[in-house]
């Protein structure tokens, strides 16, 4: 199951402000990302995947494995 940015933030028990501080963003930026009204820049996506502790360059998965968090976030944020 793919997780949203909000689910990832809530699992870490972080406020929007805490995640915003970690990503060099504003709480409004986080709200926009969580609501799908904005997509993160590549650098912010990299910071997000590092912040939650998952590599975003894990692209050589064997068949049958789930995509990396970076791939899932990228796919989830595409319209």
Protein backbone atom coordinates (compact mmCIF):
# COMPACT_ATOMS: atom_id res chain seq x y z
CA UNK A 1 0.00 0.00 0.00
CA UNK A 2 1.35 3.39 -0.92
CA UNK A 3 1.52 6.01 1.77
CA UNK A 4 0.80 9.68 1.43
CA UNK A 5 3.07 12.41 2.70
CA UNK A 6 0.55 13.08 5.45
CA UNK A 7 0.59 9.42 6.54
CA UNK A 8 4.39 9.43 6.62
CA UNK A 9 4.39 12.62 8.68
CA UNK A 10 1.77 11.30 11.09
CA UNK A 11 3.62 7.98 11.54
CA UNK A 12 6.63 10.00 12.65
CA UNK A 13 4.35 12.00 14.97
CA UNK A 14 5.53 15.23 13.37
CA UNK A 15 3.61 18.43 12.99
CA UNK A 16 3.42 20.24 9.67
CA UNK A 17 5.82 22.79 11.17
CA UNK A 18 8.38 20.13 12.12
CA UNK A 19 8.32 18.58 8.65
CA UNK A 20 8.48 22.02 7.07
CA UNK A 21 11.56 22.87 9.14
CA UNK A 22 13.24 19.60 8.16
CA UNK A 23 12.62 20.26 4.45
CA UNK A 24 13.34 23.98 4.45
CA UNK A 25 9.72 24.69 3.60
CA UNK A 26 6.76 26.46 5.15
CA UNK A 27 3.78 24.79 6.84
CA UNK A 28 1.69 26.04 3.90
CA UNK A 29 4.05 24.19 1.51
CA UNK A 30 3.46 21.00 3.49
CA UNK A 31 -0.31 21.52 3.43
CA UNK A 32 -0.17 22.03 -0.35
CA UNK A 33 1.85 18.84 -0.79
CA UNK A 34 -0.45 16.83 1.46
CA UNK A 35 -3.56 18.10 -0.32
CA UNK A 36 -2.08 17.46 -3.75
CA UNK A 37 -2.30 21.07 -4.85
CA UNK A 38 1.49 21.20 -5.32
CA UNK A 39 4.23 18.79 -6.31
CA UNK A 40 7.63 18.81 -4.63
CA UNK A 41 10.73 19.86 -6.50
CA UNK A 42 13.27 17.11 -7.00
CA UNK A 43 15.49 18.45 -4.23
CA UNK A 44 12.60 18.60 -1.77
CA UNK A 45 11.57 15.05 -2.72
CA UNK A 46 15.15 13.92 -2.04
CA UNK A 47 15.10 15.66 1.36
CA UNK A 48 11.75 14.06 2.18
CA UNK A 49 12.94 10.55 1.38
CA UNK A 50 16.12 11.12 3.42
CA UNK A 51 14.10 12.53 6.29
CA UNK A 52 11.88 9.46 6.50
CA UNK A 53 14.91 7.19 6.16
CA UNK A 54 14.42 5.65 2.73
CA UNK A 55 16.70 5.92 -0.28
CA UNK A 56 15.09 7.49 -3.33
CA UNK A 57 17.51 5.89 -5.80
CA UNK A 58 16.48 2.30 -5.16
CA UNK A 59 15.46 1.60 -8.75
CA UNK A 60 17.04 -1.82 -9.33
CA UNK A 61 14.42 -3.84 -7.49
CA UNK A 62 13.85 -7.42 -8.51
CA UNK A 63 10.48 -8.40 -10.00
CA UNK A 64 7.87 -8.91 -7.33
CA UNK A 65 9.27 -6.29 -4.97
CA UNK A 66 7.46 -3.08 -4.19
CA UNK A 67 8.85 0.16 -5.63
CA UNK A 68 11.03 2.35 -3.43
CA UNK A 69 9.48 5.14 -1.40
CA UNK A 70 10.94 7.68 -3.82
CA UNK A 71 9.26 5.97 -6.75
CA UNK A 72 5.99 5.65 -4.85
CA UNK A 73 6.04 9.30 -3.82
CA UNK A 74 6.89 10.36 -7.34
CA UNK A 75 4.07 8.26 -8.77
CA UNK A 76 1.60 9.38 -6.12
CA UNK A 77 2.31 13.04 -6.82
CA UNK A 78 1.89 12.74 -10.58
CA UNK A 79 -1.53 13.95 -11.79
